[in-house]
């Protein structure tokens, strides 16, 4: 019984990882193709649907951690996926005014390369029980650059959207109202930016620790 459950778990995680891999591969292909043929202004419109689909599907990884399907700590998974969902839906999708900025291209390319490497690594590992050493190195080394470009792009897009948040009042709730509660999306965005300040170095340090452990383990094997 335990063996059957283990097999089903590996089969499910393998399918999940390879499906996500295909989604992010499509995002990267469309982004690079559009960037080359039409310029950065059209990148978001070309990748919007697969980008939102692939990023939203990552919510399953939070569930995987909660139910014990994977060993990744929820304290690391939740802020990473939460911040990306906020940028994907709360910024890019919500404020079309920033969709043509060149920072969108750096964001999309950084995210997609990172995820293509990550999902292929875990997909092969779930399917075969191991991953090639070169892919292991990429999985735990590519973030050294891509995390910086990705986070910088996320922060840049939130900052660029601030004037449009303030002008439109979108997602804000003003007083008076029947709930006797107010919420200002503009100031919420400032709070999010404030979280990035201590959060980003902490996450980078966490990933450096992961890298050291993973590469040290591979050398011993």
N, C-alpha and C. Protein backbone atom coordinates (compact mmCIF):
# COMPACT_ATOMS: atom_id res chain seq x y z
N UNK A 1 0.83 -1.21 0.00
CA UNK A 1 0.00 0.00 0.00
C UNK A 1 0.86 1.26 0.00
N UNK A 2 1.89 1.25 0.88
CA UNK A 2 2.80 2.40 0.98
C UNK A 2 3.55 2.61 -0.33
N UNK A 3 3.92 1.46 -0.97
CA UNK A 3 4.63 1.54 -2.24
C UNK A 3 3.77 2.14 -3.34
N UNK A 4 2.49 1.78 -3.35
CA UNK A 4 1.56 2.31 -4.36
C UNK A 4 1.35 3.80 -4.17
N UNK A 5 1.21 4.23 -2.91
CA UNK A 5 1.04 5.65 -2.62
C UNK A 5 2.27 6.45 -3.03
N UNK A 6 3.45 5.88 -2.78
CA UNK A 6 4.70 6.54 -3.16
C UNK A 6 4.80 6.69 -4.67
N UNK A 7 4.38 5.64 -5.39
CA UNK A 7 4.40 5.69 -6.85
C UNK A 7 3.43 6.73 -7.38
N UNK A 8 2.23 6.78 -6.80
CA UNK A 8 1.23 7.76 -7.22
C UNK A 8 1.72 9.19 -6.95
N UNK A 9 2.37 9.37 -5.81
CA UNK A 9 2.92 10.67 -5.46
C UNK A 9 3.96 11.11 -6.48
N UNK A 10 4.88 10.21 -6.83
CA UNK A 10 5.93 10.53 -7.80
C UNK A 10 5.34 10.80 -9.18
N UNK A 11 4.31 10.02 -9.55
CA UNK A 11 3.66 10.21 -10.85
C UNK A 11 2.98 11.57 -10.90
N UNK A 12 2.24 11.92 -9.85
CA UNK A 12 1.56 13.21 -9.80
C UNK A 12 2.56 14.36 -9.87
N UNK A 13 3.61 14.31 -9.04
CA UNK A 13 4.59 15.39 -9.01
C UNK A 13 5.36 15.50 -10.32
N UNK A 14 5.59 14.36 -10.96
CA UNK A 14 6.26 14.37 -12.26
C UNK A 14 5.39 15.06 -13.30
N UNK A 15 4.10 14.71 -13.34
CA UNK A 15 3.16 15.34 -14.29
C UNK A 15 3.04 16.83 -14.00
N UNK A 16 2.93 17.18 -12.73
CA UNK A 16 2.81 18.59 -12.35
C UNK A 16 4.03 19.38 -12.82
N UNK A 17 5.23 18.87 -12.53
CA UNK A 17 6.46 19.59 -12.88
C UNK A 17 6.64 19.72 -14.38
N UNK A 18 6.33 18.68 -15.14
CA UNK A 18 6.51 18.76 -16.59
C UNK A 18 5.45 19.63 -17.25
N UNK A 19 4.25 19.65 -16.67
CA UNK A 19 3.21 20.55 -17.19
C UNK A 19 3.61 22.00 -16.97
N UNK A 20 4.10 22.30 -15.77
CA UNK A 20 4.56 23.66 -15.46
C UNK A 20 5.77 24.03 -16.33
N UNK A 21 6.64 23.06 -16.57
CA UNK A 21 7.80 23.29 -17.44
C UNK A 21 7.36 23.73 -18.83
N UNK A 22 6.39 23.02 -19.40
CA UNK A 22 5.88 23.37 -20.74
C UNK A 22 5.27 24.76 -20.74
N UNK A 23 4.53 25.09 -19.67
CA UNK A 23 3.93 26.41 -19.58
C UNK A 23 4.97 27.53 -19.58
N UNK A 24 6.01 27.37 -18.77
CA UNK A 24 7.05 28.40 -18.69
C UNK A 24 7.92 28.43 -19.95
N UNK A 25 8.07 27.29 -20.59
CA UNK A 25 8.82 27.25 -21.85
C UNK A 25 8.07 28.06 -22.91
N UNK A 26 6.76 27.95 -22.92
CA UNK A 26 5.94 28.74 -23.84
C UNK A 26 6.08 30.23 -23.55
N UNK A 27 6.09 30.59 -22.26
CA UNK A 27 6.25 31.99 -21.88
C UNK A 27 7.59 32.53 -22.40
N UNK A 28 8.66 31.79 -22.19
CA UNK A 28 9.98 32.24 -22.63
C UNK A 28 10.05 32.35 -24.14
N UNK A 29 9.52 31.35 -24.84
CA UNK A 29 9.54 31.36 -26.30
C UNK A 29 8.82 32.58 -26.85
N UNK A 30 7.62 32.83 -26.34
CA UNK A 30 6.82 33.97 -26.82
C UNK A 30 7.48 35.30 -26.47
N UNK A 31 8.08 35.38 -25.28
CA UNK A 31 8.73 36.62 -24.87
C UNK A 31 9.92 36.95 -25.76
N UNK A 32 10.77 35.98 -25.99
CA UNK A 32 11.97 36.20 -26.81
C UNK A 32 11.58 36.49 -28.26
N UNK A 33 10.62 35.73 -28.78
CA UNK A 33 10.16 35.91 -30.16
C UNK A 33 9.57 37.32 -30.34
N UNK A 34 8.72 37.73 -29.42
CA UNK A 34 8.09 39.04 -29.51
C UNK A 34 9.09 40.17 -29.32
N UNK A 35 10.00 39.96 -28.39
CA UNK A 35 11.04 40.97 -28.14
C UNK A 35 11.88 41.21 -29.39
N UNK A 36 12.17 40.14 -30.10
CA UNK A 36 12.98 40.22 -31.32
C UNK A 36 12.20 40.82 -32.48
N UNK A 37 10.94 40.42 -32.62
CA UNK A 37 10.17 40.82 -33.80
C UNK A 37 9.40 42.13 -33.63
N UNK A 38 8.92 42.40 -32.40
CA UNK A 38 8.04 43.55 -32.22
C UNK A 38 8.48 44.55 -31.16
N UNK A 39 9.48 44.18 -30.35
CA UNK A 39 9.94 45.09 -29.31
C UNK A 39 9.32 44.81 -27.96
N UNK A 40 9.90 45.42 -26.92
CA UNK A 40 9.47 45.12 -25.55
C UNK A 40 8.04 45.58 -25.25
N UNK A 41 7.54 46.55 -26.02
CA UNK A 41 6.19 47.07 -25.76
C UNK A 41 5.11 46.00 -25.92
N UNK A 42 5.35 44.97 -26.71
CA UNK A 42 4.32 43.96 -27.00
C UNK A 42 4.54 42.64 -26.26
N UNK A 43 5.59 42.58 -25.44
CA UNK A 43 5.91 41.32 -24.76
C UNK A 43 4.78 40.86 -23.85
N UNK A 44 4.25 41.77 -23.03
CA UNK A 44 3.22 41.33 -22.09
C UNK A 44 1.97 40.81 -22.79
N UNK A 45 1.52 41.50 -23.81
CA UNK A 45 0.31 41.05 -24.52
C UNK A 45 0.52 39.68 -25.14
N UNK A 46 1.77 39.36 -25.51
CA UNK A 46 2.06 38.06 -26.12
C UNK A 46 2.08 36.93 -25.09
N UNK A 47 2.52 37.24 -23.87
CA UNK A 47 2.70 36.19 -22.88
C UNK A 47 1.64 36.17 -21.79
N UNK A 48 0.72 37.12 -21.81
CA UNK A 48 -0.21 37.28 -20.68
C UNK A 48 -0.90 35.99 -20.27
N UNK A 49 -1.54 35.32 -21.21
CA UNK A 49 -2.33 34.14 -20.86
C UNK A 49 -1.48 33.01 -20.28
N UNK A 50 -0.42 32.56 -20.97
CA UNK A 50 0.40 31.49 -20.38
C UNK A 50 1.13 31.92 -19.11
N UNK A 51 1.50 33.20 -19.02
CA UNK A 51 2.17 33.70 -17.82
C UNK A 51 1.25 33.60 -16.60
N UNK A 52 0.04 34.11 -16.74
CA UNK A 52 -0.91 34.08 -15.62
C UNK A 52 -1.28 32.64 -15.26
N UNK A 53 -1.44 31.81 -16.26
CA UNK A 53 -1.76 30.41 -16.01
C UNK A 53 -0.63 29.71 -15.25
N UNK A 54 0.60 29.86 -15.75
CA UNK A 54 1.74 29.17 -15.15
C UNK A 54 2.02 29.67 -13.73
N UNK A 55 1.92 30.97 -13.54
CA UNK A 55 2.21 31.51 -12.21
C UNK A 55 1.12 31.19 -11.21
N UNK A 56 -0.13 31.21 -11.64
CA UNK A 56 -1.24 30.90 -10.74
C UNK A 56 -1.23 29.42 -10.35
N UNK A 57 -0.81 28.56 -11.27
CA UNK A 57 -0.74 27.13 -10.99
C UNK A 57 0.24 26.82 -9.86
N UNK A 58 1.17 27.74 -9.62
CA UNK A 58 2.16 27.53 -8.56
C UNK A 58 1.53 27.53 -7.17
N UNK A 59 0.28 27.97 -7.05
CA UNK A 59 -0.45 27.89 -5.77
C UNK A 59 -0.48 26.44 -5.28
N UNK A 60 -0.47 25.51 -6.22
CA UNK A 60 -0.47 24.09 -5.86
C UNK A 60 0.76 23.73 -5.03
N UNK A 61 1.85 24.46 -5.23
CA UNK A 61 3.07 24.16 -4.47
C UNK A 61 2.92 24.50 -2.99
N UNK A 62 2.11 25.48 -2.70
CA UNK A 62 1.80 25.79 -1.30
C UNK A 62 1.03 24.62 -0.69
N UNK A 63 0.06 24.11 -1.47
CA UNK A 63 -0.72 22.96 -1.01
C UNK A 63 0.18 21.73 -0.85
N UNK A 64 1.09 21.53 -1.79
CA UNK A 64 2.03 20.39 -1.71
C UNK A 64 2.81 20.43 -0.40
N UNK A 65 3.26 21.64 -0.03
CA UNK A 65 4.01 21.78 1.21
C UNK A 65 3.15 21.55 2.44
N UNK A 66 1.91 22.03 2.40
CA UNK A 66 1.01 21.91 3.55
C UNK A 66 0.63 20.46 3.83
N UNK A 67 0.43 19.68 2.75
CA UNK A 67 0.01 18.29 2.95
C UNK A 67 1.18 17.31 3.00
N UNK A 68 2.40 17.83 2.85
CA UNK A 68 3.57 16.98 2.98
C UNK A 68 4.00 16.24 1.74
N UNK A 69 3.51 16.65 0.57
CA UNK A 69 3.93 16.00 -0.67
C UNK A 69 5.38 16.31 -1.00
N UNK A 70 5.85 17.51 -0.61
CA UNK A 70 7.24 17.91 -0.82
C UNK A 70 7.82 18.39 0.50
N UNK A 71 9.15 18.44 0.56
CA UNK A 71 9.82 18.81 1.81
C UNK A 71 10.09 20.31 1.92
N UNK A 72 9.81 21.06 0.87
CA UNK A 72 10.07 22.50 0.90
C UNK A 72 9.27 23.15 2.02
N UNK A 73 9.92 23.95 2.88
CA UNK A 73 9.19 24.60 3.98
C UNK A 73 8.22 25.65 3.46
N UNK A 74 7.03 25.66 4.02
CA UNK A 74 6.00 26.60 3.59
C UNK A 74 6.43 28.04 3.84
N UNK A 75 7.30 28.25 4.82
CA UNK A 75 7.78 29.61 5.14
C UNK A 75 8.62 30.19 4.02
N UNK A 76 9.21 29.33 3.19
CA UNK A 76 9.98 29.80 2.03
C UNK A 76 9.12 29.85 0.78
N UNK A 77 8.23 28.87 0.63
CA UNK A 77 7.40 28.79 -0.57
C UNK A 77 6.35 29.90 -0.63
N UNK A 78 5.68 30.15 0.50
CA UNK A 78 4.58 31.11 0.53
C UNK A 78 4.98 32.53 0.12
N UNK A 79 6.05 33.11 0.69
CA UNK A 79 6.40 34.48 0.27
C UNK A 79 6.85 34.58 -1.18
N UNK A 80 7.54 33.55 -1.67
CA UNK A 80 7.99 33.57 -3.07
C UNK A 80 6.80 33.57 -4.02
N UNK A 81 5.88 32.64 -3.82
CA UNK A 81 4.73 32.53 -4.70
C UNK A 81 3.77 33.69 -4.49
N UNK A 82 3.60 34.09 -3.24
CA UNK A 82 2.71 35.21 -2.93
C UNK A 82 3.14 36.50 -3.60
N UNK A 83 4.44 36.80 -3.56
CA UNK A 83 4.94 38.03 -4.17
C UNK A 83 4.80 38.00 -5.68
N UNK A 84 5.01 36.83 -6.27
CA UNK A 84 4.88 36.71 -7.72
C UNK A 84 3.42 36.85 -8.17
N UNK A 85 2.51 36.26 -7.40
CA UNK A 85 1.09 36.39 -7.72
C UNK A 85 0.65 37.85 -7.61
N UNK A 86 1.17 38.54 -6.61
CA UNK A 86 0.84 39.95 -6.44
C UNK A 86 1.30 40.77 -7.64
N UNK A 87 2.53 40.50 -8.11
CA UNK A 87 3.05 41.25 -9.26
C UNK A 87 2.30 40.86 -10.53
N UNK A 88 2.03 39.56 -10.71
CA UNK A 88 1.37 39.10 -11.93
C UNK A 88 -0.06 39.63 -12.04
N UNK A 89 -0.83 39.49 -10.95
CA UNK A 89 -2.24 39.89 -10.98
C UNK A 89 -2.48 41.31 -10.44
N UNK A 90 -1.84 41.61 -9.32
CA UNK A 90 -2.09 42.89 -8.65
C UNK A 90 -1.41 44.07 -9.29
N UNK A 91 -0.41 43.82 -10.11
CA UNK A 91 0.30 44.91 -10.79
C UNK A 91 0.13 44.83 -12.30
N UNK A 92 0.71 43.80 -12.91
CA UNK A 92 0.71 43.72 -14.37
C UNK A 92 -0.70 43.61 -14.97
N UNK A 93 -1.49 42.69 -14.47
CA UNK A 93 -2.83 42.51 -15.02
C UNK A 93 -3.73 43.68 -14.67
N UNK A 94 -3.55 44.24 -13.49
CA UNK A 94 -4.44 45.29 -12.98
C UNK A 94 -4.16 46.67 -13.54
N UNK A 95 -2.91 46.93 -13.94
CA UNK A 95 -2.55 48.27 -14.41
C UNK A 95 -1.88 48.18 -15.79
N UNK A 96 -2.69 48.21 -16.83
CA UNK A 96 -2.19 48.08 -18.20
C UNK A 96 -1.14 49.14 -18.56
N UNK A 97 -1.12 50.24 -17.82
CA UNK A 97 -0.19 51.33 -18.12
C UNK A 97 1.28 50.89 -18.00
N UNK A 98 1.55 49.87 -17.20
CA UNK A 98 2.94 49.43 -17.02
C UNK A 98 3.30 48.24 -17.92
N UNK A 99 2.31 47.74 -18.64
CA UNK A 99 2.53 46.51 -19.42
C UNK A 99 3.49 46.67 -20.58
N UNK A 100 3.70 47.90 -21.04
CA UNK A 100 4.58 48.12 -22.20
C UNK A 100 5.99 48.53 -21.78
N UNK A 101 6.26 48.58 -20.49
CA UNK A 101 7.58 48.99 -20.02
C UNK A 101 8.61 47.89 -20.27
N UNK A 102 9.87 48.27 -20.51
CA UNK A 102 10.90 47.27 -20.80
C UNK A 102 11.18 46.36 -19.60
N UNK A 103 10.86 46.82 -18.38
CA UNK A 103 11.08 46.00 -17.19
C UNK A 103 10.26 44.71 -17.24
N UNK A 104 9.13 44.74 -17.95
CA UNK A 104 8.31 43.54 -18.10
C UNK A 104 9.11 42.42 -18.75
N UNK A 105 9.91 42.78 -19.73
CA UNK A 105 10.73 41.77 -20.44
C UNK A 105 11.74 41.13 -19.51
N UNK A 106 12.41 41.93 -18.70
CA UNK A 106 13.40 41.37 -17.78
C UNK A 106 12.73 40.50 -16.73
N UNK A 107 11.54 40.90 -16.30
CA UNK A 107 10.78 40.11 -15.33
C UNK A 107 10.40 38.75 -15.92
N UNK A 108 9.78 38.79 -17.08
CA UNK A 108 9.27 37.57 -17.70
C UNK A 108 10.41 36.61 -18.04
N UNK A 109 11.50 37.12 -18.56
CA UNK A 109 12.63 36.27 -18.93
C UNK A 109 13.29 35.69 -17.68
N UNK A 110 13.45 36.50 -16.64
CA UNK A 110 14.05 36.01 -15.39
C UNK A 110 13.19 34.93 -14.76
N UNK A 111 11.89 35.18 -14.67
CA UNK A 111 10.98 34.18 -14.09
C UNK A 111 10.98 32.89 -14.89
N UNK A 112 10.86 33.02 -16.21
CA UNK A 112 10.69 31.82 -17.03
C UNK A 112 11.94 30.96 -17.07
N UNK A 113 13.12 31.56 -17.17
CA UNK A 113 14.36 30.76 -17.16
C UNK A 113 14.51 30.04 -15.82
N UNK A 114 14.24 30.78 -14.74
CA UNK A 114 14.32 30.18 -13.41
C UNK A 114 13.41 28.97 -13.30
N UNK A 115 12.18 29.11 -13.75
CA UNK A 115 11.20 28.03 -13.60
C UNK A 115 11.44 26.87 -14.56
N UNK A 116 11.92 27.16 -15.75
CA UNK A 116 12.25 26.10 -16.70
C UNK A 116 13.33 25.18 -16.10
N UNK A 117 14.35 25.79 -15.51
CA UNK A 117 15.42 25.01 -14.88
C UNK A 117 14.87 24.24 -13.68
N UNK A 118 14.10 24.92 -12.84
CA UNK A 118 13.59 24.29 -11.62
C UNK A 118 12.64 23.14 -11.90
N UNK A 119 11.65 23.36 -12.79
CA UNK A 119 10.66 22.32 -13.05
C UNK A 119 11.26 21.14 -13.81
N UNK A 120 12.22 21.39 -14.69
CA UNK A 120 12.85 20.27 -15.39
C UNK A 120 13.69 19.44 -14.41
N UNK A 121 14.35 20.13 -13.47
CA UNK A 121 15.14 19.44 -12.45
C UNK A 121 14.26 18.51 -11.62
N UNK A 122 13.17 19.05 -11.09
CA UNK A 122 12.29 18.24 -10.24
C UNK A 122 11.51 17.22 -11.06
N UNK A 123 11.21 17.55 -12.31
CA UNK A 123 10.51 16.59 -13.17
C UNK A 123 11.35 15.36 -13.43
N UNK A 124 12.63 15.57 -13.75
CA UNK A 124 13.54 14.44 -13.99
C UNK A 124 13.77 13.67 -12.70
N UNK A 125 13.91 14.40 -11.60
CA UNK A 125 14.18 13.75 -10.31
C UNK A 125 13.00 12.86 -9.89
N UNK A 126 11.78 13.35 -10.10
CA UNK A 126 10.61 12.55 -9.73
C UNK A 126 10.45 11.35 -10.66
N UNK A 127 10.77 11.53 -11.93
CA UNK A 127 10.59 10.45 -12.90
C UNK A 127 11.67 9.37 -12.79
N UNK A 128 12.93 9.80 -12.58
CA UNK A 128 14.05 8.87 -12.59
C UNK A 128 14.67 8.60 -11.23
N UNK A 129 14.37 9.47 -10.27
CA UNK A 129 14.97 9.30 -8.95
C UNK A 129 16.27 10.06 -8.77
N UNK A 130 16.74 10.68 -9.83
CA UNK A 130 17.97 11.48 -9.77
C UNK A 130 17.93 12.52 -10.88
N UNK A 131 18.84 13.47 -10.83
CA UNK A 131 18.96 14.48 -11.88
C UNK A 131 20.41 14.61 -12.29
N UNK A 132 20.70 14.93 -13.55
CA UNK A 132 22.09 15.09 -14.00
C UNK A 132 22.81 16.16 -13.19
N UNK A 133 24.10 16.00 -13.00
CA UNK A 133 24.88 16.92 -12.18
C UNK A 133 24.86 18.34 -12.74
N UNK A 134 24.86 18.46 -14.08
CA UNK A 134 24.86 19.79 -14.68
C UNK A 134 23.55 20.52 -14.41
N UNK A 135 22.45 19.75 -14.37
CA UNK A 135 21.14 20.36 -14.09
C UNK A 135 21.02 20.70 -12.60
N UNK A 136 21.62 19.86 -11.77
CA UNK A 136 21.67 20.16 -10.33
C UNK A 136 22.42 21.47 -10.10
N UNK A 137 23.54 21.64 -10.79
CA UNK A 137 24.33 22.87 -10.64
C UNK A 137 23.52 24.08 -11.11
N UNK A 138 22.85 23.94 -12.25
CA UNK A 138 22.02 25.04 -12.76
C UNK A 138 20.90 25.37 -11.79
N UNK A 139 20.25 24.35 -11.25
CA UNK A 139 19.12 24.55 -10.32
C UNK A 139 19.55 25.38 -9.12
N UNK A 140 20.76 25.12 -8.62
CA UNK A 140 21.19 25.79 -7.40
C UNK A 140 22.22 26.90 -7.64
N UNK A 141 22.41 27.30 -8.89
CA UNK A 141 23.36 28.38 -9.19
C UNK A 141 22.77 29.50 -10.04
N UNK A 142 21.78 29.19 -10.87
CA UNK A 142 21.22 30.20 -11.78
C UNK A 142 20.58 31.36 -11.02
N UNK A 143 20.11 31.10 -9.80
CA UNK A 143 19.46 32.16 -9.03
C UNK A 143 20.43 33.27 -8.65
N UNK A 144 21.73 32.97 -8.65
CA UNK A 144 22.73 33.98 -8.26
C UNK A 144 22.56 35.26 -9.07
N UNK A 145 22.18 35.11 -10.34
CA UNK A 145 21.90 36.27 -11.19
C UNK A 145 20.40 36.49 -11.37
N UNK A 146 19.67 35.41 -11.64
CA UNK A 146 18.26 35.54 -12.01
C UNK A 146 17.39 36.03 -10.85
N UNK A 147 17.76 35.70 -9.62
CA UNK A 147 16.98 36.20 -8.49
C UNK A 147 17.10 37.72 -8.40
N UNK A 148 18.30 38.22 -8.64
CA UNK A 148 18.54 39.66 -8.58
C UNK A 148 17.77 40.39 -9.68
N UNK A 149 17.85 39.88 -10.91
CA UNK A 149 17.13 40.53 -12.02
C UNK A 149 15.62 40.41 -11.84
N UNK A 150 15.17 39.26 -11.31
CA UNK A 150 13.74 39.07 -11.10
C UNK A 150 13.19 39.98 -10.01
N UNK A 151 13.86 40.02 -8.87
CA UNK A 151 13.41 40.86 -7.76
C UNK A 151 13.47 42.34 -8.14
N UNK A 152 14.53 42.74 -8.82
CA UNK A 152 14.65 44.14 -9.25
C UNK A 152 13.51 44.52 -10.18
N UNK A 153 13.13 43.60 -11.05
CA UNK A 153 12.02 43.86 -11.97
C UNK A 153 10.70 43.93 -11.24
N UNK A 154 10.50 43.05 -10.25
CA UNK A 154 9.27 43.07 -9.46
C UNK A 154 9.12 44.42 -8.74
N UNK A 155 10.18 44.82 -8.06
CA UNK A 155 10.16 46.10 -7.33
C UNK A 155 9.95 47.26 -8.30
N UNK A 156 10.63 47.19 -9.45
CA UNK A 156 10.50 48.26 -10.44
C UNK A 156 9.08 48.41 -10.95
N UNK A 157 8.40 47.30 -11.19
CA UNK A 157 7.03 47.36 -11.71
C UNK A 157 6.04 47.86 -10.66
N UNK A 158 6.24 47.45 -9.41
CA UNK A 158 5.38 47.98 -8.33
C UNK A 158 5.55 49.49 -8.24
N UNK A 159 6.79 49.94 -8.29
CA UNK A 159 7.07 51.39 -8.21
C UNK A 159 6.44 52.13 -9.39
N UNK A 160 6.55 51.56 -10.59
CA UNK A 160 6.00 52.19 -11.78
C UNK A 160 4.47 52.28 -11.72
N UNK A 161 3.85 51.33 -11.04
CA UNK A 161 2.38 51.31 -10.98
C UNK A 161 1.82 52.25 -9.91
N UNK A 162 2.65 52.75 -9.01
CA UNK A 162 2.17 53.58 -7.90
C UNK A 162 1.33 54.79 -8.35
N UNK A 163 1.80 55.57 -9.33
CA UNK A 163 0.97 56.73 -9.73
C UNK A 163 -0.41 56.34 -10.24
N UNK A 164 -0.49 55.21 -10.93
CA UNK A 164 -1.77 54.76 -11.50
C UNK A 164 -2.69 54.22 -10.39
N UNK A 165 -2.10 53.63 -9.37
CA UNK A 165 -2.89 53.20 -8.20
C UNK A 165 -3.53 54.41 -7.53
N UNK A 166 -2.71 55.43 -7.33
CA UNK A 166 -3.18 56.62 -6.62
C UNK A 166 -4.25 57.35 -7.42
N UNK A 167 -4.01 57.46 -8.72
CA UNK A 167 -4.94 58.20 -9.59
C UNK A 167 -6.28 57.49 -9.73
N UNK A 168 -6.23 56.18 -9.88
CA UNK A 168 -7.47 55.42 -10.16
C UNK A 168 -8.23 55.03 -8.90
N UNK A 169 -7.50 54.86 -7.79
CA UNK A 169 -8.15 54.38 -6.57
C UNK A 169 -8.59 52.92 -6.67
N UNK A 170 -8.05 52.22 -7.62
CA UNK A 170 -8.43 50.83 -7.86
C UNK A 170 -8.14 49.96 -6.64
N UNK A 171 -9.09 49.09 -6.33
CA UNK A 171 -9.02 48.15 -5.21
C UNK A 171 -9.03 48.82 -3.84
N UNK A 172 -9.22 50.13 -3.79
CA UNK A 172 -9.28 50.83 -2.52
C UNK A 172 -10.72 50.92 -2.03
N UNK A 173 -10.88 50.95 -0.74
CA UNK A 173 -12.20 51.07 -0.13
C UNK A 173 -12.22 52.32 0.75
N UNK A 174 -13.06 53.25 0.40
CA UNK A 174 -13.10 54.53 1.10
C UNK A 174 -14.20 54.56 2.15
N UNK A 175 -13.97 55.38 3.16
CA UNK A 175 -15.00 55.64 4.17
C UNK A 175 -15.90 56.79 3.68
N UNK A 176 -17.13 56.86 4.07
CA UNK A 176 -17.82 55.85 4.90
C UNK A 176 -18.35 54.69 4.06
N UNK A 177 -18.51 53.55 4.69
CA UNK A 177 -19.12 52.39 4.04
C UNK A 177 -19.76 51.53 5.13
N UNK A 178 -20.54 50.54 4.72
CA UNK A 178 -21.31 49.75 5.69
C UNK A 178 -20.44 48.87 6.57
N UNK A 179 -19.18 48.63 6.13
CA UNK A 179 -18.28 47.82 6.95
C UNK A 179 -17.48 48.67 7.94
N UNK A 180 -17.57 50.00 7.77
CA UNK A 180 -16.82 50.92 8.63
C UNK A 180 -15.32 50.59 8.60
N UNK A 181 -14.84 50.38 7.38
CA UNK A 181 -13.45 49.95 7.18
C UNK A 181 -12.91 50.60 5.91
N UNK A 182 -11.66 51.02 5.95
CA UNK A 182 -11.05 51.60 4.75
C UNK A 182 -9.77 50.85 4.38
N UNK A 183 -9.51 50.83 3.10
CA UNK A 183 -8.30 50.16 2.60
C UNK A 183 -7.79 50.95 1.41
N UNK A 184 -6.49 51.27 1.42
CA UNK A 184 -5.89 52.02 0.32
C UNK A 184 -4.83 51.16 -0.36
N UNK A 185 -5.11 50.77 -1.58
CA UNK A 185 -4.21 49.88 -2.32
C UNK A 185 -2.85 50.55 -2.57
N UNK A 186 -2.86 51.86 -2.71
CA UNK A 186 -1.63 52.63 -2.93
C UNK A 186 -0.67 52.45 -1.74
N UNK A 187 -1.18 52.59 -0.53
CA UNK A 187 -0.34 52.44 0.66
C UNK A 187 -0.01 50.97 0.93
N UNK A 188 -0.92 50.09 0.51
CA UNK A 188 -0.63 48.66 0.62
C UNK A 188 0.60 48.31 -0.23
N UNK A 189 0.70 48.92 -1.42
CA UNK A 189 1.85 48.68 -2.29
C UNK A 189 3.14 49.16 -1.63
N UNK A 190 3.08 50.26 -0.91
CA UNK A 190 4.25 50.74 -0.17
C UNK A 190 4.65 49.72 0.90
N UNK A 191 3.65 49.13 1.55
CA UNK A 191 3.92 48.10 2.55
C UNK A 191 4.62 46.91 1.92
N UNK A 192 4.14 46.51 0.74
CA UNK A 192 4.76 45.39 0.03
C UNK A 192 6.21 45.71 -0.32
N UNK A 193 6.44 46.93 -0.81
CA UNK A 193 7.81 47.34 -1.13
C UNK A 193 8.69 47.31 0.12
N UNK A 194 8.11 47.70 1.25
CA UNK A 194 8.84 47.66 2.51
C UNK A 194 9.22 46.25 2.92
N UNK A 195 8.35 45.29 2.61
CA UNK A 195 8.63 43.88 2.93
C UNK A 195 9.78 43.35 2.07
N UNK A 196 9.86 43.85 0.82
CA UNK A 196 10.93 43.42 -0.07
C UNK A 196 12.31 43.76 0.50
N UNK A 197 12.42 44.86 1.25
CA UNK A 197 13.72 45.33 1.74
C UNK A 197 14.40 44.29 2.63
N UNK A 198 13.76 43.82 3.71
CA UNK A 198 14.41 42.77 4.51
C UNK A 198 14.19 41.37 3.92
N UNK A 199 13.06 41.20 3.19
CA UNK A 199 12.71 39.87 2.70
C UNK A 199 13.63 39.34 1.62
N UNK A 200 14.03 40.21 0.70
CA UNK A 200 14.86 39.76 -0.42
C UNK A 200 16.24 39.27 0.03
N UNK A 201 16.98 40.03 0.86
CA UNK A 201 18.27 39.51 1.34
C UNK A 201 18.13 38.22 2.15
N UNK A 202 17.04 38.15 2.94
CA UNK A 202 16.81 36.93 3.73
C UNK A 202 16.60 35.72 2.82
N UNK A 203 15.79 35.89 1.78
CA UNK A 203 15.53 34.79 0.85
C UNK A 203 16.78 34.42 0.06
N UNK A 204 17.55 35.43 -0.30
CA UNK A 204 18.79 35.17 -1.05
C UNK A 204 19.76 34.36 -0.18
N UNK A 205 19.83 34.74 1.09
CA UNK A 205 20.69 33.99 2.02
C UNK A 205 20.21 32.56 2.20
N UNK A 206 18.89 32.39 2.27
CA UNK A 206 18.31 31.05 2.39
C UNK A 206 18.70 30.19 1.20
N UNK A 207 18.62 30.76 0.00
CA UNK A 207 18.94 30.01 -1.22
C UNK A 207 20.44 29.72 -1.31
N UNK A 208 21.26 30.63 -0.81
CA UNK A 208 22.70 30.37 -0.76
C UNK A 208 22.99 29.17 0.13
N UNK A 209 22.27 29.10 1.25
CA UNK A 209 22.43 27.96 2.15
C UNK A 209 21.98 26.66 1.49
N UNK A 210 20.87 26.72 0.77
CA UNK A 210 20.39 25.56 0.01
C UNK A 210 21.42 25.11 -1.01
N UNK A 211 22.00 26.07 -1.70
CA UNK A 211 23.00 25.79 -2.73
C UNK A 211 24.21 25.08 -2.14
N UNK A 212 24.69 25.59 -1.02
CA UNK A 212 25.86 25.00 -0.36
C UNK A 212 25.59 23.56 0.04
N UNK A 213 24.42 23.31 0.62
CA UNK A 213 24.07 21.95 1.06
C UNK A 213 23.91 21.01 -0.13
N UNK A 214 23.22 21.48 -1.17
CA UNK A 214 22.94 20.60 -2.33
C UNK A 214 24.22 20.25 -3.08
N UNK A 215 25.08 21.23 -3.31
CA UNK A 215 26.31 20.98 -4.06
C UNK A 215 27.32 20.18 -3.24
N UNK A 216 27.35 20.41 -1.93
CA UNK A 216 28.23 19.62 -1.06
C UNK A 216 27.81 18.16 -1.05
N UNK A 217 26.48 17.94 -0.99
CA UNK A 217 25.95 16.59 -1.00
C UNK A 217 26.26 15.87 -2.30
N UNK A 218 26.16 16.59 -3.42
CA UNK A 218 26.43 15.97 -4.73
C UNK A 218 27.91 15.58 -4.87
N UNK A 219 28.79 16.36 -4.26
CA UNK A 219 30.22 16.03 -4.31
C UNK A 219 30.53 14.78 -3.50
N UNK A 220 29.84 14.64 -2.36
CA UNK A 220 30.06 13.46 -1.52
C UNK A 220 29.57 12.18 -2.20
N UNK A 221 28.53 12.36 -3.04
CA UNK A 221 27.97 11.19 -3.73
C UNK A 221 28.76 10.83 -4.97
